[in-house]
């Protein structure tokens, strides 16, 4: 069993979740949830992303667990998960139709957004403190990088 995420990891997850959930709720666009929650991609592939968004059009995947890929997935990268989040999960999410993948890297203090175009991820942007990370999937949704990392 993997160790639980650190307090600092969870603080970043919570900050991002609150911003995304408030934005989605105000617009009645769907559901936002936070780990631990199984997202079942195949009979042999289940993951627990840090934060997920499911659009109203895809509410049918919400059962006891998510039976398919969320529209948007966010992961906070930790030193022990760097390869898994940047390579393995990226490939898995791309292959199974996660439309937008956010990677928050506390060590580098960056937020990266990957958006699926024709089934392949392209980098929307990589932002640092003092900048705002923006979604292509959720037009108008942006977060200040400094806010999610708690940087003054």
N, C-alpha and C. Protein backbone atom coordinates (compact mmCIF):
# COMPACT_ATOMS: atom_id res chain seq x y z
N UNK A 1 0.84 -1.19 0.00
CA UNK A 1 0.00 0.00 0.00
C UNK A 1 0.88 1.24 0.00
N UNK A 2 0.54 2.20 -0.83
CA UNK A 2 1.30 3.45 -0.91
C UNK A 2 1.05 4.29 0.34
N UNK A 3 2.06 5.06 0.75
CA UNK A 3 1.84 5.94 1.91
C UNK A 3 0.86 7.05 1.54
N UNK A 4 0.16 7.56 2.53
CA UNK A 4 -0.77 8.66 2.30
C UNK A 4 0.01 9.90 1.84
N UNK A 5 -0.65 10.75 1.05
CA UNK A 5 0.02 11.99 0.61
C UNK A 5 0.38 12.85 1.81
N UNK A 6 1.36 13.71 1.62
CA UNK A 6 1.79 14.61 2.69
C UNK A 6 0.74 15.68 2.95
N UNK A 7 0.88 16.34 4.07
CA UNK A 7 0.00 17.45 4.43
C UNK A 7 0.08 18.54 3.36
N UNK A 8 1.30 18.84 2.89
CA UNK A 8 1.51 19.91 1.91
C UNK A 8 0.87 19.55 0.57
N UNK A 9 0.98 18.28 0.18
CA UNK A 9 0.33 17.79 -1.03
C UNK A 9 -1.18 18.01 -0.93
N UNK A 10 -1.76 17.60 0.19
CA UNK A 10 -3.20 17.71 0.37
C UNK A 10 -3.66 19.16 0.45
N UNK A 11 -2.83 20.03 0.99
CA UNK A 11 -3.18 21.45 1.05
C UNK A 11 -3.29 22.02 -0.36
N UNK A 12 -2.37 21.64 -1.25
CA UNK A 12 -2.42 22.09 -2.65
C UNK A 12 -3.65 21.52 -3.35
N UNK A 13 -3.92 20.24 -3.12
CA UNK A 13 -5.11 19.60 -3.70
C UNK A 13 -6.36 20.36 -3.27
N UNK A 14 -6.46 20.66 -1.99
CA UNK A 14 -7.64 21.34 -1.45
C UNK A 14 -7.80 22.73 -2.05
N UNK A 15 -6.71 23.47 -2.17
CA UNK A 15 -6.79 24.82 -2.75
C UNK A 15 -7.32 24.77 -4.18
N UNK A 16 -6.77 23.85 -4.97
CA UNK A 16 -7.22 23.73 -6.37
C UNK A 16 -8.68 23.28 -6.41
N UNK A 17 -9.01 22.27 -5.63
CA UNK A 17 -10.38 21.74 -5.59
C UNK A 17 -11.39 22.85 -5.28
N UNK A 18 -11.12 23.66 -4.27
CA UNK A 18 -12.05 24.72 -3.88
C UNK A 18 -12.28 25.70 -5.04
N UNK A 19 -11.22 26.06 -5.74
CA UNK A 19 -11.35 27.00 -6.85
C UNK A 19 -12.16 26.38 -8.00
N UNK A 20 -11.82 25.15 -8.37
CA UNK A 20 -12.51 24.50 -9.47
C UNK A 20 -13.97 24.23 -9.10
N UNK A 21 -14.22 23.72 -7.91
CA UNK A 21 -15.58 23.39 -7.49
C UNK A 21 -16.46 24.64 -7.46
N UNK A 22 -15.96 25.73 -6.91
CA UNK A 22 -16.74 26.97 -6.85
C UNK A 22 -17.08 27.46 -8.26
N UNK A 23 -16.11 27.40 -9.16
CA UNK A 23 -16.30 27.88 -10.53
C UNK A 23 -17.32 27.01 -11.26
N UNK A 24 -17.19 25.69 -11.17
CA UNK A 24 -18.10 24.75 -11.83
C UNK A 24 -19.51 24.84 -11.23
N UNK A 25 -19.60 24.93 -9.91
CA UNK A 25 -20.90 25.00 -9.23
C UNK A 25 -21.67 26.25 -9.63
N UNK A 26 -20.99 27.40 -9.66
CA UNK A 26 -21.66 28.65 -10.05
C UNK A 26 -22.27 28.55 -11.44
N UNK A 27 -21.63 27.81 -12.32
CA UNK A 27 -22.07 27.71 -13.71
C UNK A 27 -22.90 26.45 -13.99
N UNK A 28 -23.05 25.62 -12.97
CA UNK A 28 -23.82 24.37 -13.09
C UNK A 28 -23.34 23.53 -14.26
N UNK A 29 -22.02 23.31 -14.30
CA UNK A 29 -21.41 22.60 -15.43
C UNK A 29 -21.23 21.11 -15.20
N UNK A 30 -21.33 20.66 -13.95
CA UNK A 30 -21.11 19.25 -13.67
C UNK A 30 -20.72 19.03 -12.23
N UNK A 31 -19.89 18.02 -12.02
CA UNK A 31 -19.48 17.61 -10.68
C UNK A 31 -17.95 17.67 -10.55
N UNK A 32 -17.49 18.06 -9.38
CA UNK A 32 -16.07 18.06 -9.05
C UNK A 32 -15.91 17.20 -7.81
N UNK A 33 -14.88 16.36 -7.79
CA UNK A 33 -14.64 15.49 -6.64
C UNK A 33 -13.15 15.41 -6.35
N UNK A 34 -12.83 14.93 -5.17
CA UNK A 34 -11.47 14.90 -4.67
C UNK A 34 -11.13 13.46 -4.25
N UNK A 35 -9.87 13.09 -4.33
CA UNK A 35 -9.43 11.74 -3.93
C UNK A 35 -9.65 11.54 -2.43
N UNK A 36 -9.82 10.32 -2.00
CA UNK A 36 -9.74 9.08 -2.79
C UNK A 36 -11.08 8.75 -3.45
N UNK A 37 -11.03 8.51 -4.75
CA UNK A 37 -12.18 8.10 -5.54
C UNK A 37 -11.65 7.31 -6.73
N UNK A 38 -12.10 6.08 -6.86
CA UNK A 38 -11.63 5.25 -7.97
C UNK A 38 -12.22 5.72 -9.30
N UNK A 39 -11.36 5.84 -10.28
CA UNK A 39 -11.75 6.10 -11.66
C UNK A 39 -11.35 4.85 -12.43
N UNK A 40 -12.33 4.04 -12.79
CA UNK A 40 -12.06 2.75 -13.43
C UNK A 40 -12.02 2.94 -14.94
N UNK A 41 -10.85 2.70 -15.51
CA UNK A 41 -10.66 2.89 -16.95
C UNK A 41 -10.86 1.59 -17.72
N UNK A 42 -10.41 0.47 -17.15
CA UNK A 42 -10.61 -0.86 -17.73
C UNK A 42 -10.74 -1.84 -16.56
N UNK A 43 -10.95 -3.09 -16.86
CA UNK A 43 -11.02 -4.11 -15.80
C UNK A 43 -9.72 -4.20 -15.01
N UNK A 44 -8.62 -3.75 -15.60
CA UNK A 44 -7.30 -3.88 -14.96
C UNK A 44 -6.65 -2.54 -14.66
N UNK A 45 -7.32 -1.43 -14.96
CA UNK A 45 -6.71 -0.11 -14.76
C UNK A 45 -7.65 0.79 -13.97
N UNK A 46 -7.30 1.00 -12.71
CA UNK A 46 -8.04 1.90 -11.84
C UNK A 46 -7.05 2.89 -11.25
N UNK A 47 -7.42 4.16 -11.26
CA UNK A 47 -6.56 5.21 -10.70
C UNK A 47 -7.39 6.06 -9.74
N UNK A 48 -6.71 6.84 -8.93
CA UNK A 48 -7.36 7.77 -8.00
C UNK A 48 -6.74 9.15 -8.18
N UNK A 49 -7.21 9.90 -9.18
CA UNK A 49 -6.66 11.25 -9.38
C UNK A 49 -6.93 12.13 -8.16
N UNK A 50 -6.11 13.16 -7.99
CA UNK A 50 -6.28 14.07 -6.86
C UNK A 50 -7.60 14.83 -6.95
N UNK A 51 -7.92 15.35 -8.14
CA UNK A 51 -9.17 16.09 -8.37
C UNK A 51 -9.71 15.71 -9.74
N UNK A 52 -11.04 15.59 -9.84
CA UNK A 52 -11.65 15.29 -11.14
C UNK A 52 -12.85 16.21 -11.37
N UNK A 53 -13.13 16.45 -12.64
CA UNK A 53 -14.33 17.16 -13.07
C UNK A 53 -15.04 16.28 -14.09
N UNK A 54 -16.36 16.14 -13.91
CA UNK A 54 -17.20 15.40 -14.84
C UNK A 54 -18.31 16.34 -15.30
N UNK A 55 -18.38 16.53 -16.60
CA UNK A 55 -19.38 17.44 -17.19
C UNK A 55 -20.78 16.85 -17.05
N UNK A 56 -21.77 17.72 -17.17
CA UNK A 56 -23.16 17.28 -17.10
C UNK A 56 -23.45 16.21 -18.15
N UNK A 57 -22.86 16.34 -19.32
CA UNK A 57 -23.09 15.40 -20.42
C UNK A 57 -22.57 13.99 -20.11
N UNK A 58 -21.67 13.89 -19.16
CA UNK A 58 -21.04 12.60 -18.87
C UNK A 58 -21.38 12.08 -17.47
N UNK A 59 -22.47 12.57 -16.88
CA UNK A 59 -22.87 12.17 -15.54
C UNK A 59 -23.12 10.66 -15.43
N UNK A 60 -23.39 10.00 -16.54
CA UNK A 60 -23.67 8.56 -16.52
C UNK A 60 -22.49 7.73 -16.01
N UNK A 61 -21.28 8.28 -16.03
CA UNK A 61 -20.13 7.50 -15.54
C UNK A 61 -20.06 7.50 -14.01
N UNK A 62 -20.85 8.37 -13.37
CA UNK A 62 -20.83 8.44 -11.90
C UNK A 62 -21.73 7.34 -11.35
N UNK A 63 -21.10 6.37 -10.70
CA UNK A 63 -21.81 5.29 -10.01
C UNK A 63 -21.16 5.19 -8.64
N UNK A 64 -21.04 4.01 -8.07
CA UNK A 64 -20.31 3.87 -6.80
C UNK A 64 -18.88 4.38 -6.99
N UNK A 65 -18.36 4.15 -8.15
CA UNK A 65 -17.04 4.63 -8.58
C UNK A 65 -17.26 5.28 -9.94
N UNK A 66 -16.24 5.95 -10.44
CA UNK A 66 -16.35 6.50 -11.80
C UNK A 66 -16.08 5.38 -12.79
N UNK A 67 -17.04 5.12 -13.64
CA UNK A 67 -16.93 4.04 -14.62
C UNK A 67 -16.52 4.63 -15.97
N UNK A 68 -15.31 5.15 -16.02
CA UNK A 68 -14.78 5.78 -17.22
C UNK A 68 -13.96 6.99 -16.85
N UNK A 69 -13.44 7.63 -17.88
CA UNK A 69 -12.54 8.77 -17.69
C UNK A 69 -13.31 10.04 -17.39
N UNK A 70 -12.82 10.81 -16.43
CA UNK A 70 -13.36 12.14 -16.15
C UNK A 70 -12.98 13.07 -17.31
N UNK A 71 -13.66 14.20 -17.39
CA UNK A 71 -13.33 15.19 -18.42
C UNK A 71 -12.02 15.90 -18.12
N UNK A 72 -11.82 16.23 -16.84
CA UNK A 72 -10.60 16.92 -16.40
C UNK A 72 -10.06 16.19 -15.18
N UNK A 73 -8.74 16.01 -15.17
CA UNK A 73 -8.05 15.37 -14.05
C UNK A 73 -6.90 16.28 -13.63
N UNK A 74 -6.72 16.43 -12.31
CA UNK A 74 -5.58 17.17 -11.78
C UNK A 74 -4.79 16.27 -10.85
N UNK A 75 -3.48 16.31 -10.99
CA UNK A 75 -2.57 15.57 -10.10
C UNK A 75 -1.53 16.54 -9.56
N UNK A 76 -1.23 16.41 -8.27
CA UNK A 76 -0.11 17.12 -7.66
C UNK A 76 1.07 16.17 -7.70
N UNK A 77 2.16 16.62 -8.28
CA UNK A 77 3.35 15.79 -8.42
C UNK A 77 4.13 15.82 -7.11
N UNK A 78 4.48 14.63 -6.62
CA UNK A 78 5.35 14.54 -5.46
C UNK A 78 6.64 13.85 -5.91
N UNK A 79 7.72 14.00 -5.15
CA UNK A 79 9.00 13.43 -5.59
C UNK A 79 8.90 11.95 -5.97
N UNK A 80 8.12 11.18 -5.20
CA UNK A 80 8.03 9.75 -5.49
C UNK A 80 7.06 9.42 -6.63
N UNK A 81 6.28 10.41 -7.09
CA UNK A 81 5.31 10.13 -8.16
C UNK A 81 5.64 10.83 -9.48
N UNK A 82 6.79 11.48 -9.54
CA UNK A 82 7.13 12.30 -10.71
C UNK A 82 6.99 11.53 -12.02
N UNK A 83 7.64 10.38 -12.13
CA UNK A 83 7.58 9.61 -13.37
C UNK A 83 6.16 9.10 -13.63
N UNK A 84 5.52 8.61 -12.58
CA UNK A 84 4.17 8.06 -12.73
C UNK A 84 3.20 9.12 -13.24
N UNK A 85 3.26 10.34 -12.67
CA UNK A 85 2.33 11.40 -13.07
C UNK A 85 2.67 11.99 -14.44
N UNK A 86 3.95 12.22 -14.69
CA UNK A 86 4.37 12.87 -15.94
C UNK A 86 4.35 11.95 -17.16
N UNK A 87 4.57 10.66 -16.96
CA UNK A 87 4.67 9.74 -18.10
C UNK A 87 3.55 8.71 -18.07
N UNK A 88 3.52 7.88 -17.03
CA UNK A 88 2.57 6.77 -17.01
C UNK A 88 1.12 7.24 -17.00
N UNK A 89 0.77 8.11 -16.07
CA UNK A 89 -0.61 8.57 -15.99
C UNK A 89 -0.96 9.45 -17.18
N UNK A 90 -0.02 10.25 -17.63
CA UNK A 90 -0.26 11.08 -18.82
C UNK A 90 -0.67 10.20 -19.98
N UNK A 91 0.10 9.15 -20.25
CA UNK A 91 -0.22 8.23 -21.35
C UNK A 91 -1.55 7.53 -21.12
N UNK A 92 -1.80 7.10 -19.90
CA UNK A 92 -3.04 6.41 -19.56
C UNK A 92 -4.24 7.33 -19.76
N UNK A 93 -4.16 8.55 -19.25
CA UNK A 93 -5.27 9.49 -19.37
C UNK A 93 -5.51 9.87 -20.84
N UNK A 94 -4.45 10.07 -21.56
CA UNK A 94 -4.57 10.39 -22.98
C UNK A 94 -5.26 9.25 -23.73
N UNK A 95 -4.82 8.04 -23.48
CA UNK A 95 -5.35 6.84 -24.14
C UNK A 95 -6.83 6.62 -23.83
N UNK A 96 -7.26 6.96 -22.61
CA UNK A 96 -8.63 6.67 -22.20
C UNK A 96 -9.58 7.86 -22.29
N UNK A 97 -9.12 8.96 -22.84
CA UNK A 97 -10.02 10.06 -23.16
C UNK A 97 -10.22 11.13 -22.13
N UNK A 98 -9.31 11.28 -21.17
CA UNK A 98 -9.38 12.44 -20.27
C UNK A 98 -9.06 13.65 -21.14
N UNK A 99 -10.00 14.57 -21.20
CA UNK A 99 -9.87 15.68 -22.15
C UNK A 99 -8.84 16.72 -21.73
N UNK A 100 -8.66 16.91 -20.41
CA UNK A 100 -7.67 17.89 -19.95
C UNK A 100 -6.98 17.37 -18.70
N UNK A 101 -5.67 17.49 -18.68
CA UNK A 101 -4.84 16.98 -17.58
C UNK A 101 -4.03 18.13 -17.02
N UNK A 102 -4.24 18.42 -15.73
CA UNK A 102 -3.50 19.46 -15.03
C UNK A 102 -2.45 18.80 -14.15
N UNK A 103 -1.22 19.28 -14.22
CA UNK A 103 -0.12 18.80 -13.38
C UNK A 103 0.39 19.97 -12.54
N UNK A 104 0.27 19.85 -11.23
CA UNK A 104 0.77 20.87 -10.32
C UNK A 104 2.04 20.35 -9.69
N UNK A 105 3.14 21.06 -9.90
CA UNK A 105 4.46 20.62 -9.43
C UNK A 105 4.96 21.57 -8.36
N UNK A 106 4.82 21.20 -7.08
CA UNK A 106 5.24 22.09 -5.99
C UNK A 106 6.74 22.37 -5.99
N UNK A 107 7.54 21.40 -6.38
CA UNK A 107 8.99 21.58 -6.38
C UNK A 107 9.41 22.63 -7.41
N UNK A 108 8.87 22.54 -8.62
CA UNK A 108 9.20 23.50 -9.68
C UNK A 108 8.32 24.74 -9.61
N UNK A 109 7.26 24.68 -8.77
CA UNK A 109 6.28 25.77 -8.65
C UNK A 109 5.67 26.10 -10.01
N UNK A 110 5.23 25.05 -10.71
CA UNK A 110 4.60 25.23 -12.01
C UNK A 110 3.26 24.51 -12.07
N UNK A 111 2.40 25.03 -12.92
CA UNK A 111 1.15 24.38 -13.28
C UNK A 111 1.18 24.19 -14.78
N UNK A 112 1.01 22.94 -15.21
CA UNK A 112 0.97 22.62 -16.63
C UNK A 112 -0.43 22.12 -16.97
N UNK A 113 -0.91 22.51 -18.13
CA UNK A 113 -2.21 22.04 -18.60
C UNK A 113 -2.00 21.40 -19.97
N UNK A 114 -2.46 20.15 -20.07
CA UNK A 114 -2.44 19.41 -21.32
C UNK A 114 -3.88 19.23 -21.77
N UNK A 115 -4.13 19.48 -23.04
CA UNK A 115 -5.49 19.35 -23.58
C UNK A 115 -5.46 18.39 -24.75
N UNK A 116 -6.46 17.52 -24.82
CA UNK A 116 -6.52 16.53 -25.88
C UNK A 116 -7.07 17.13 -27.16
N UNK A 117 -6.28 17.06 -28.20
CA UNK A 117 -6.68 17.46 -29.54
C UNK A 117 -6.54 16.24 -30.42
N UNK A 118 -7.65 15.79 -30.98
CA UNK A 118 -7.66 14.60 -31.85
C UNK A 118 -7.02 13.40 -31.16
N UNK A 119 -7.30 13.25 -29.84
CA UNK A 119 -6.83 12.08 -29.11
C UNK A 119 -5.41 12.16 -28.62
N UNK A 120 -4.73 13.28 -28.81
CA UNK A 120 -3.35 13.45 -28.33
C UNK A 120 -3.25 14.72 -27.52
N UNK A 121 -2.47 14.64 -26.44
CA UNK A 121 -2.29 15.82 -25.61
C UNK A 121 -1.35 16.82 -26.26
N UNK A 122 -1.74 18.08 -26.12
CA UNK A 122 -0.83 19.16 -26.47
C UNK A 122 -0.76 20.08 -25.26
N UNK A 123 0.40 20.67 -25.07
CA UNK A 123 0.62 21.56 -23.94
C UNK A 123 -0.08 22.89 -24.19
N UNK A 124 -1.03 23.22 -23.34
CA UNK A 124 -1.72 24.50 -23.41
C UNK A 124 -0.79 25.58 -22.85
N UNK A 125 -0.12 25.25 -21.74
CA UNK A 125 0.79 26.20 -21.13
C UNK A 125 1.42 25.66 -19.87
N UNK A 126 2.51 26.32 -19.48
CA UNK A 126 3.20 26.03 -18.22
C UNK A 126 3.37 27.37 -17.53
N UNK A 127 2.77 27.50 -16.35
CA UNK A 127 2.74 28.77 -15.66
C UNK A 127 3.45 28.70 -14.32
N UNK A 128 3.94 29.86 -13.86
CA UNK A 128 4.68 29.99 -12.61
C UNK A 128 3.98 31.01 -11.70
N UNK A 129 4.45 31.13 -10.44
CA UNK A 129 3.87 32.16 -9.58
C UNK A 129 3.93 33.53 -10.26
N UNK A 130 2.86 34.29 -10.09
CA UNK A 130 2.74 35.58 -10.76
C UNK A 130 1.93 35.46 -12.05
N UNK A 131 1.62 34.22 -12.46
CA UNK A 131 0.85 33.98 -13.67
C UNK A 131 -0.43 33.21 -13.33
N UNK A 132 -1.32 33.16 -14.31
CA UNK A 132 -2.57 32.42 -14.14
C UNK A 132 -2.60 31.25 -15.11
N UNK A 133 -2.82 30.06 -14.57
CA UNK A 133 -2.99 28.86 -15.39
C UNK A 133 -4.42 28.85 -15.91
N UNK A 134 -4.57 28.51 -17.20
CA UNK A 134 -5.89 28.59 -17.84
C UNK A 134 -6.30 27.26 -18.46
N UNK A 135 -7.58 26.99 -18.38
CA UNK A 135 -8.15 25.80 -18.98
C UNK A 135 -8.59 26.10 -20.41
N UNK A 136 -8.39 25.16 -21.29
CA UNK A 136 -8.96 25.26 -22.63
C UNK A 136 -10.33 24.59 -22.63
N UNK A 137 -10.49 23.55 -21.83
CA UNK A 137 -11.75 22.81 -21.75
C UNK A 137 -12.85 23.66 -21.11
N UNK A 138 -12.53 24.28 -19.99
CA UNK A 138 -13.49 25.11 -19.25
C UNK A 138 -13.18 26.57 -19.52
N UNK A 139 -13.72 27.09 -20.59
CA UNK A 139 -13.44 28.46 -21.02
C UNK A 139 -13.70 29.45 -19.89
N UNK A 140 -12.68 30.22 -19.55
CA UNK A 140 -12.81 31.21 -18.50
C UNK A 140 -12.29 30.76 -17.14
N UNK A 141 -12.05 29.45 -16.98
CA UNK A 141 -11.52 28.98 -15.70
C UNK A 141 -10.00 29.20 -15.68
N UNK A 142 -9.56 29.91 -14.65
CA UNK A 142 -8.13 30.17 -14.46
C UNK A 142 -7.83 30.20 -12.97
N UNK A 143 -6.61 29.82 -12.62
CA UNK A 143 -6.18 29.89 -11.23
C UNK A 143 -4.82 30.55 -11.16
N UNK A 144 -4.65 31.38 -10.15
CA UNK A 144 -3.35 32.00 -9.92
C UNK A 144 -2.43 30.94 -9.34
N UNK A 145 -1.30 30.74 -9.98
CA UNK A 145 -0.34 29.71 -9.55
C UNK A 145 0.09 29.96 -8.11
N UNK A 146 0.35 31.20 -7.75
CA UNK A 146 0.75 31.54 -6.38
C UNK A 146 -0.31 31.10 -5.38
N UNK A 147 -1.58 31.21 -5.74
CA UNK A 147 -2.65 30.83 -4.81
C UNK A 147 -2.65 29.34 -4.53
N UNK A 148 -2.48 28.48 -5.55
CA UNK A 148 -2.54 27.05 -5.29
C UNK A 148 -1.33 26.56 -4.51
N UNK A 149 -0.18 27.23 -4.68
CA UNK A 149 1.01 26.82 -3.95
C UNK A 149 1.19 27.58 -2.63
N UNK A 150 0.35 28.57 -2.39
CA UNK A 150 0.45 29.34 -1.15
C UNK A 150 1.67 30.23 -1.11
N UNK A 151 2.03 30.76 -2.28
CA UNK A 151 3.21 31.62 -2.39
C UNK A 151 2.76 33.07 -2.28
N UNK A 152 3.51 33.87 -1.52
CA UNK A 152 3.16 35.30 -1.38
C UNK A 152 3.69 36.09 -2.54
